[in-house]
Amino acid sequence: MAMQHTEDGQYKLFPSPRNRHRTIFLHRVFVPYPYMLIDLEGYGLKGKSSLFAACRLSDMKMGQLVTLELPQDELTFNARFAPD
């Protein structure tokens, strides 16, 4: 079965098959690296998180959207994220 996509007004989103949670959480980080492997479990996040392949609708930029349940996890992700 083909993966379903969703749109939230800012992004067209395709969920990662590795997600434990398929929820779009309030805190979001767009990373403009569509092919980079992002292992959310390796970031030591405290709350729930999910990862989506994303197309930013404002400029059609492809990337990935990390959504996070807790605001401190957004800070943690931003501090630890380093593009390849």
Protein backbone atom coordinates (compact mmCIF):
# COMPACT_ATOMS: atom_id res chain seq x y z
CA MET A 1 0.00 0.00 0.00
CA ALA A 2 1.30 3.46 -0.86
CA MET A 3 2.19 5.81 1.97
CA GLN A 4 -0.41 8.41 2.69
CA HIS A 5 0.57 12.05 2.88
CA THR A 6 -0.97 14.90 4.81
CA GLU A 7 -0.80 18.67 4.56
CA ASP A 8 -0.88 21.07 7.49
CA GLY A 9 -0.94 24.36 5.57
CA GLN A 10 2.85 24.78 5.72
CA TYR A 11 4.11 21.36 4.64
CA LYS A 12 3.17 18.30 2.64
CA LEU A 13 4.26 15.47 4.93
CA PHE A 14 5.07 11.81 4.39
CA PRO A 15 5.59 9.84 7.64
CA SER A 16 8.75 7.86 8.19
CA PRO A 17 8.05 4.12 8.44
CA ARG A 18 10.36 4.08 11.49
CA ASN A 19 8.13 6.42 13.52
CA ARG A 20 6.84 5.09 16.81
CA HIS A 21 4.34 7.96 16.86
CA ARG A 22 2.68 9.24 13.70
CA THR A 23 1.42 12.38 15.39
CA ILE A 24 2.41 15.85 14.19
CA PHE A 25 3.54 17.47 17.44
CA LEU A 26 3.49 21.19 18.24
CA HIS A 27 7.26 21.82 18.25
CA ARG A 28 8.80 21.48 14.79
CA VAL A 29 12.19 21.70 13.16
CA PHE A 30 12.53 21.72 9.36
CA VAL A 31 15.89 20.48 8.11
CA PRO A 32 16.61 21.07 4.41
CA TYR A 33 18.40 17.74 3.96
CA PRO A 34 15.93 15.32 2.34
CA TYR A 35 18.36 12.39 2.11
CA MET A 36 20.08 12.62 5.50
CA LEU A 37 19.46 9.76 7.91
CA ILE A 38 18.03 11.19 11.15
CA ASP A 39 17.88 8.67 14.00
CA LEU A 40 15.70 10.42 16.57
CA GLU A 41 16.43 7.81 19.25
CA GLY A 42 20.09 8.83 19.19
CA TYR A 43 19.31 12.39 20.32
CA GLY A 44 18.29 11.47 23.87
CA LEU A 45 14.92 13.19 23.65
CA LYS A 46 12.66 13.07 26.71
CA GLY A 47 9.23 13.22 25.03
CA LYS A 48 7.60 11.75 21.97
CA SER A 49 8.81 12.66 18.49
CA SER A 50 8.11 11.89 14.87
CA LEU A 51 9.90 12.36 11.57
CA PHE A 52 8.42 13.19 8.19
CA ALA A 53 9.76 13.67 4.69
CA ALA A 54 8.52 17.17 3.94
CA CYS A 55 7.91 19.64 1.17
CA ARG A 56 7.68 23.21 2.47
CA LEU A 57 4.76 24.64 0.53
CA SER A 58 5.88 28.30 0.67
CA ASP A 59 8.93 27.65 -1.53
CA MET A 60 8.58 23.94 -2.44
CA LYS A 61 11.86 23.18 -0.62
CA MET A 62 12.30 19.48 0.13
CA GLY A 63 13.63 18.30 3.47
CA GLN A 64 12.57 16.59 6.66
CA LEU A 65 10.34 17.78 9.47
CA VAL A 66 11.06 16.66 13.01
CA THR A 67 8.08 17.15 15.29
CA LEU A 68 8.51 17.07 19.04
CA GLU A 69 6.16 16.87 22.00
CA LEU A 70 8.32 18.90 24.43
CA PRO A 71 9.86 22.35 23.89
CA GLN A 72 13.13 21.32 25.56
CA ASP A 73 13.46 18.50 23.02
CA GLU A 74 13.40 21.11 20.25
CA LEU A 75 16.36 22.82 21.92
CA THR A 76 18.15 19.49 22.37
CA PHE A 77 17.61 18.51 18.75
CA ASN A 78 18.83 21.89 17.46
CA ALA A 79 21.93 21.73 19.66
CA ARG A 80 22.88 18.19 18.61
CA PHE A 81 21.89 18.20 14.95
CA ALA A 82 24.87 18.38 12.62
CA PRO A 83 24.33 17.92 8.87
CA ASP A 84 26.59 15.37 7.14
